[in-house]
Amino acid sequence: MGTQLRLEVEGPSEEVARTATEAAIRESERIEAACSTWRDDSAWSRLNTARGAEVPLDGEWLALLDTVLAWNRSTEGAFDPVLGALIGVWGLRHGGRTPTPAELQAAREASGASLLTLDRGRGVARLRHPRAAVEEGGFLKGYALDRMAAVLRRSGVQAALLDFGGQLLAYGRPRSASLATPDDRQRSTLELQLREGSLSSSGTSEHGRHILDPATGERCLAWGSTAVLASEGLAADVLSTALYVLGPDRGLAWANRHQVAAVFQRPGQPPLLTERFRALQSHPDVAPRSSP
């Protein structure tokens, strides 16, 4: 998935730990093979290149797309899984470029969750625009973390810490984690305890202005960073992106309304913590959000 995966596992024996770790890595490879649009042979790449035709999909992938569409509705459009046309016109996978107004308008017309239709009964998906494309970058890592953790649990691993390109998932015992400043990833500003759940961050310090605002099609401003604690990797992944799109003011208000444990960091200013984040750090029995 274009990044690094690191696993720390604790099991009853070295053999159990090794076997479980290998099974978790194979699970990640299975998900990447089916869903990565960096691969021309994946099921989702076939959907993206079908030019509006229906494409058969396995039930697992239809269910995942159904879930991310629910997140699109829950976040009032701030998270959108159908931004492939905009990703392309901005050249975000190839070093970046600035589209002309006409190119941007055409890409906006080919983007948006409303263009993706699913028929789980018939086992098919369709993108209702020939240039529309699913973009998995805002949620597939989180889903893979959840699936890998499930494999580890079933394999007898009692505690684990997974780090997938900077997104963490832990279970079994608390882990110390830290948030970096939005303008210097080597300097931490906030220490926290990651208990059962996932920590995901979004910002522009590492990859530049790569996050797009679905409402305008424009790149989001480089205002800082967001971090979200959630009980599942998918939720944390989605919400860290959505809250960055909303920005520190609207995002904080939305997160407090929906009881999301989140942190908003702006260079040179104190971090903004949601009520649920404060509660999680002082009361471990408070559950972070996990569903749309």
Protein backbone atom coordinates (compact mmCIF):
# COMPACT_ATOMS: atom_id res chain seq x y z
CA MET A 1 0.00 0.00 0.00
CA GLY A 2 2.97 2.26 -0.57
CA THR A 3 4.13 2.41 3.03
CA GLN A 4 5.76 0.38 5.79
CA LEU A 5 4.16 -2.06 8.25
CA ARG A 6 5.65 -2.82 11.66
CA LEU A 7 4.20 -5.36 14.10
CA GLU A 8 5.01 -6.09 17.75
CA VAL A 9 3.24 -9.18 19.06
CA GLU A 10 3.10 -11.02 22.39
CA GLY A 11 2.01 -14.65 22.40
CA PRO A 12 2.39 -17.87 24.36
CA SER A 13 5.38 -18.96 22.26
CA GLU A 14 7.76 -17.76 19.57
CA GLU A 15 6.17 -20.19 17.11
CA VAL A 16 2.68 -18.80 17.73
CA ALA A 17 3.95 -15.24 17.38
CA ARG A 18 5.80 -15.97 14.12
CA THR A 19 2.93 -17.90 12.55
CA ALA A 20 0.39 -15.24 13.57
CA THR A 21 2.54 -12.42 12.22
CA GLU A 22 2.96 -14.14 8.86
CA ALA A 23 -0.80 -14.71 8.68
CA ALA A 24 -1.46 -11.03 9.43
CA ILE A 25 0.91 -9.92 6.68
CA ARG A 26 -0.79 -12.28 4.22
CA GLU A 27 -4.12 -10.73 5.19
CA SER A 28 -2.78 -7.27 4.35
CA GLU A 29 -1.53 -8.59 1.01
CA ARG A 30 -4.96 -10.10 0.28
CA ILE A 31 -6.67 -6.75 0.88
CA GLU A 32 -4.12 -4.86 -1.20
CA ALA A 33 -4.49 -7.31 -4.10
CA ALA A 34 -8.27 -6.82 -4.18
CA CYS A 35 -8.61 -3.11 -3.37
CA SER A 36 -5.45 -1.17 -4.20
CA THR A 37 -6.01 1.11 -7.19
CA TRP A 38 -2.24 1.27 -7.61
CA ARG A 39 -2.64 -2.24 -9.08
CA ASP A 40 -4.24 -2.57 -12.50
CA ASP A 41 -5.41 -6.11 -11.73
CA SER A 42 -7.37 -5.32 -8.54
CA ALA A 43 -11.16 -5.56 -8.38
CA TRP A 44 -11.45 -1.86 -7.54
CA SER A 45 -9.24 -0.88 -10.49
CA ARG A 46 -11.61 -2.85 -12.72
CA LEU A 47 -14.50 -0.87 -11.21
CA ASN A 48 -12.66 2.41 -11.87
CA THR A 49 -12.01 1.55 -15.52
CA ALA A 50 -15.46 0.11 -16.34
CA ARG A 51 -16.63 3.52 -17.65
CA GLY A 52 -20.01 3.35 -15.97
CA ALA A 53 -20.72 -0.35 -16.41
CA GLU A 54 -21.63 -2.66 -13.52
CA VAL A 55 -18.75 -4.68 -12.07
CA PRO A 56 -19.14 -7.84 -9.94
CA LEU A 57 -17.50 -7.50 -6.52
CA ASP A 58 -17.00 -9.91 -3.66
CA GLY A 59 -19.39 -9.36 -0.76
CA GLU A 60 -16.60 -8.24 1.56
CA TRP A 61 -15.63 -5.37 -0.74
CA LEU A 62 -19.24 -4.35 -1.32
CA ALA A 63 -19.75 -4.25 2.46
CA LEU A 64 -16.61 -2.14 2.90
CA LEU A 65 -17.74 0.33 0.24
CA ASP A 66 -21.18 0.44 1.85
CA THR A 67 -19.53 1.33 5.17
CA VAL A 68 -17.45 4.14 3.70
CA LEU A 69 -20.53 5.54 1.98
CA ALA A 70 -22.17 5.62 5.41
CA TRP A 71 -19.14 7.56 6.69
CA ASN A 72 -19.59 10.01 3.81
CA ARG A 73 -23.14 10.69 4.98
CA SER A 74 -22.16 10.82 8.65
CA THR A 75 -19.39 13.37 8.03
CA GLU A 76 -21.69 15.53 5.87
CA GLY A 77 -19.48 14.88 2.84
CA ALA A 78 -16.16 15.83 4.43
CA PHE A 79 -14.96 12.28 3.83
CA ASP A 80 -15.53 11.05 0.27
CA PRO A 81 -14.27 7.77 -1.25
CA VAL A 82 -14.93 8.75 -4.89
CA LEU A 83 -12.26 11.39 -5.51
CA GLY A 84 -10.13 9.50 -8.02
CA ALA A 85 -10.78 12.00 -10.82
CA LEU A 86 -9.69 14.89 -8.61
CA ILE A 87 -6.63 12.98 -7.38
CA GLY A 88 -5.69 12.51 -11.02
CA VAL A 89 -6.23 16.08 -12.18
CA TRP A 90 -4.14 17.41 -9.30
CA GLY A 91 -1.43 14.82 -10.11
CA LEU A 92 -1.20 13.81 -6.45
CA ARG A 93 0.20 10.37 -7.30
CA HIS A 94 2.80 11.78 -9.68
CA GLY A 95 4.44 14.76 -8.01
CA GLY A 96 1.59 17.24 -8.32
CA ARG A 97 0.33 19.78 -10.84
CA THR A 98 -2.15 22.64 -10.99
CA PRO A 99 -5.21 21.92 -13.14
CA THR A 100 -6.82 24.52 -15.36
CA PRO A 101 -10.27 25.74 -14.28
CA ALA A 102 -11.85 23.63 -17.03
CA GLU A 103 -9.95 20.51 -15.92
CA LEU A 104 -10.92 21.06 -12.31
CA GLN A 105 -14.59 21.53 -13.20
CA ALA A 106 -14.60 18.34 -15.28
CA ALA A 107 -12.95 16.40 -12.43
CA ARG A 108 -15.49 17.73 -9.94
CA GLU A 109 -18.31 16.48 -12.15
CA ALA A 110 -16.66 13.03 -12.11
CA SER A 111 -16.21 12.98 -8.31
CA GLY A 112 -18.44 12.42 -5.32
CA ALA A 113 -19.90 9.54 -3.33
CA SER A 114 -23.30 9.94 -5.00
CA LEU A 115 -21.78 8.48 -8.17
CA LEU A 116 -21.12 5.11 -6.52
CA THR A 117 -24.06 2.70 -6.44
CA LEU A 118 -24.00 -0.73 -4.82
CA ASP A 119 -26.33 -3.68 -5.21
CA ARG A 120 -25.28 -6.14 -2.54
CA GLY A 121 -28.13 -8.49 -3.42
CA ARG A 122 -26.85 -8.88 -7.00
CA GLY A 123 -23.19 -8.51 -5.99
CA VAL A 124 -22.36 -5.59 -8.26
CA ALA A 125 -21.09 -2.00 -8.02
CA ARG A 126 -21.24 0.83 -10.53
CA LEU A 127 -19.74 4.29 -10.92
CA ARG A 128 -22.27 6.49 -12.70
CA HIS A 129 -19.72 8.56 -14.59
CA PRO A 130 -17.14 7.21 -17.05
CA ARG A 131 -14.28 9.07 -15.32
CA ALA A 132 -15.35 8.50 -11.72
CA ALA A 133 -12.96 6.46 -9.58
CA VAL A 134 -12.83 5.09 -6.05
CA GLU A 135 -9.82 6.40 -4.08
CA GLU A 136 -8.94 4.11 -1.18
CA GLY A 137 -6.18 6.22 0.38
CA GLY A 138 -8.37 7.57 3.19
CA PHE A 139 -9.64 4.28 4.56
CA LEU A 140 -7.98 1.07 3.29
CA LYS A 141 -5.05 1.13 5.73
CA GLY A 142 -7.48 1.42 8.62
CA TYR A 143 -9.55 -1.50 7.34
CA ALA A 144 -6.40 -3.59 6.88
CA LEU A 145 -5.33 -2.84 10.45
CA ASP A 146 -8.68 -4.10 11.76
CA ARG A 147 -8.45 -7.28 9.71
CA MET A 148 -4.83 -7.94 10.69
CA ALA A 149 -5.68 -7.47 14.37
CA ALA A 150 -8.54 -9.97 14.01
CA VAL A 151 -6.14 -12.50 12.48
CA LEU A 152 -3.64 -12.00 15.31
CA ARG A 153 -6.32 -12.48 17.97
CA ARG A 154 -7.59 -15.68 16.34
CA SER A 155 -4.04 -16.95 16.08
CA GLY A 156 -3.43 -16.68 19.83
CA VAL A 157 -1.59 -13.34 20.06
CA GLN A 158 -2.53 -11.85 23.43
CA ALA A 159 -1.29 -8.30 22.82
CA ALA A 160 -0.07 -6.42 19.77
CA LEU A 161 0.94 -3.05 18.42
CA LEU A 162 0.62 -2.47 14.67
CA ASP A 163 2.10 0.57 12.94
CA PHE A 164 0.94 0.93 9.34
CA GLY A 165 2.52 4.01 7.82
CA GLY A 166 2.12 5.94 11.09
CA GLN A 167 -1.40 4.78 11.94
CA LEU A 168 -1.32 2.71 15.12
CA LEU A 169 -3.58 -0.05 16.40
CA ALA A 170 -3.09 -1.67 19.80
CA TYR A 171 -4.83 -4.28 21.91
CA GLY A 172 -4.07 -6.40 24.95
CA ARG A 173 -2.33 -3.75 27.06
CA PRO A 174 -1.88 0.04 27.04
CA ARG A 175 0.82 1.57 24.88
CA SER A 176 2.44 4.96 25.08
CA ALA A 177 2.15 7.10 21.97
CA SER A 178 2.90 10.68 21.05
CA LEU A 179 1.69 13.24 18.56
CA ALA A 180 4.20 15.21 16.50
CA THR A 181 3.98 18.93 15.92
CA PRO A 182 2.30 19.72 12.60
CA ASP A 183 5.40 21.46 11.24
CA ASP A 184 8.07 19.08 12.59
CA ARG A 185 7.39 15.33 12.70
CA GLN A 186 10.54 14.77 14.75
CA ARG A 187 9.23 16.83 17.69
CA SER A 188 6.37 15.55 19.86
CA THR A 189 3.89 17.80 21.63
CA LEU A 190 1.38 15.48 23.31
CA GLU A 191 1.84 12.15 25.07
CA LEU A 192 -1.11 9.78 25.36
CA GLN A 193 -2.11 6.24 26.27
CA LEU A 194 -3.38 4.03 23.45
CA ARG A 195 -5.43 1.29 25.03
CA GLU A 196 -7.80 -0.80 22.90
CA GLY A 197 -8.06 1.02 19.60
CA SER A 198 -6.38 2.96 16.84
CA LEU A 199 -4.67 6.35 16.50
CA SER A 200 -4.63 8.02 13.09
CA SER A 201 -3.22 11.41 12.10
CA SER A 202 -3.69 13.56 9.00
CA GLY A 203 -1.78 16.63 7.91
CA THR A 204 0.45 18.11 5.27
CA SER A 205 3.89 18.13 6.88
CA GLU A 206 5.04 14.86 5.27
CA HIS A 207 3.31 14.72 1.87
CA GLY A 208 2.45 18.36 1.24
CA ARG A 209 -1.08 19.52 0.45
CA HIS A 210 -2.38 16.11 -0.61
CA ILE A 211 -5.79 16.24 1.13
CA LEU A 212 -8.66 17.43 -1.05
CA ASP A 213 -11.85 19.17 -0.01
CA PRO A 214 -14.71 17.23 -1.65
CA ALA A 215 -16.93 20.33 -1.54
CA THR A 216 -14.66 22.44 -3.75
CA GLY A 217 -12.26 19.99 -5.38
CA GLU A 218 -9.39 22.17 -4.14
CA ARG A 219 -6.44 21.10 -2.00
CA CYS A 220 -6.98 21.82 1.69
CA LEU A 221 -4.91 24.56 3.26
CA ALA A 222 -1.83 23.55 5.25
CA TRP A 223 -3.30 24.67 8.56
CA GLY A 224 -1.87 21.95 10.86
CA SER A 225 -2.87 18.40 11.69
CA THR A 226 -5.61 16.23 13.17
CA ALA A 227 -5.38 13.05 15.23
CA VAL A 228 -8.24 10.71 16.11
CA LEU A 229 -8.56 7.91 18.65
CA ALA A 230 -11.20 5.32 17.75
CA SER A 231 -11.96 1.74 18.70
CA GLU A 232 -11.38 0.59 15.10
CA GLY A 233 -8.72 1.44 12.56
CA LEU A 234 -11.22 2.17 9.80
CA ALA A 235 -13.04 4.77 11.89
CA ALA A 236 -9.80 6.45 12.97
CA ASP A 237 -8.52 6.56 9.39
CA VAL A 238 -11.72 8.05 7.98
CA LEU A 239 -12.25 10.57 10.75
CA SER A 240 -8.71 11.98 10.81
CA THR A 241 -9.14 12.85 7.12
CA ALA A 242 -12.68 14.20 7.50
CA LEU A 243 -11.76 16.43 10.44
CA TYR A 244 -8.75 17.83 8.57
CA VAL A 245 -11.06 18.75 5.68
CA LEU A 246 -13.45 20.46 8.10
CA GLY A 247 -10.60 22.43 9.71
CA PRO A 248 -9.94 23.24 13.37
CA ASP A 249 -13.07 25.29 14.03
CA ARG A 250 -15.77 23.34 12.18
CA GLY A 251 -13.95 20.08 12.87
CA LEU A 252 -13.81 20.63 16.62
CA ALA A 253 -17.50 21.48 16.73
CA TRP A 254 -18.43 18.43 14.62
CA ALA A 255 -16.23 16.09 16.68
CA ASN A 256 -17.73 17.32 19.96
CA ARG A 257 -21.27 16.90 18.61
CA HIS A 258 -20.49 13.34 17.53
CA GLN A 259 -18.38 12.42 20.59
CA VAL A 260 -15.18 11.81 18.63
CA ALA A 261 -11.86 11.71 20.50
CA ALA A 262 -9.74 14.10 18.46
CA VAL A 263 -6.88 16.60 18.65
CA PHE A 264 -6.38 19.60 16.36
CA GLN A 265 -2.88 21.04 16.21
CA ARG A 266 -1.88 24.37 14.66
CA PRO A 267 1.72 25.62 14.43
CA GLY A 268 2.63 27.87 17.34
CA GLN A 269 -0.73 27.44 19.11
CA PRO A 270 -1.97 25.17 21.91
CA PRO A 271 -3.65 21.96 20.72
CA LEU A 272 -7.45 21.81 20.69
CA LEU A 273 -8.79 18.69 22.44
CA THR A 274 -12.33 17.38 22.13
CA GLU A 275 -14.32 16.51 25.23
CA ARG A 276 -14.20 12.80 24.39
CA PHE A 277 -10.42 12.88 23.97
CA ARG A 278 -10.02 14.42 27.43
CA ALA A 279 -12.37 11.82 28.88
CA LEU A 280 -10.49 8.93 27.25
CA GLN A 281 -7.19 10.05 28.72
CA SER A 282 -8.59 10.35 32.24
CA HIS A 283 -11.15 7.49 32.20
CA PRO A 284 -10.04 4.36 30.32
CA ASP A 285 -13.52 2.84 30.43
CA VAL A 286 -14.91 5.55 28.09
CA ALA A 287 -15.25 4.00 24.63
CA PRO A 288 -14.05 5.84 21.51
CA ARG A 289 -16.32 6.01 18.51
CA SER A 290 -16.26 3.14 16.00
CA SER A 291 -19.26 3.37 13.66
CA PRO A 292 -20.70 5.95 11.24
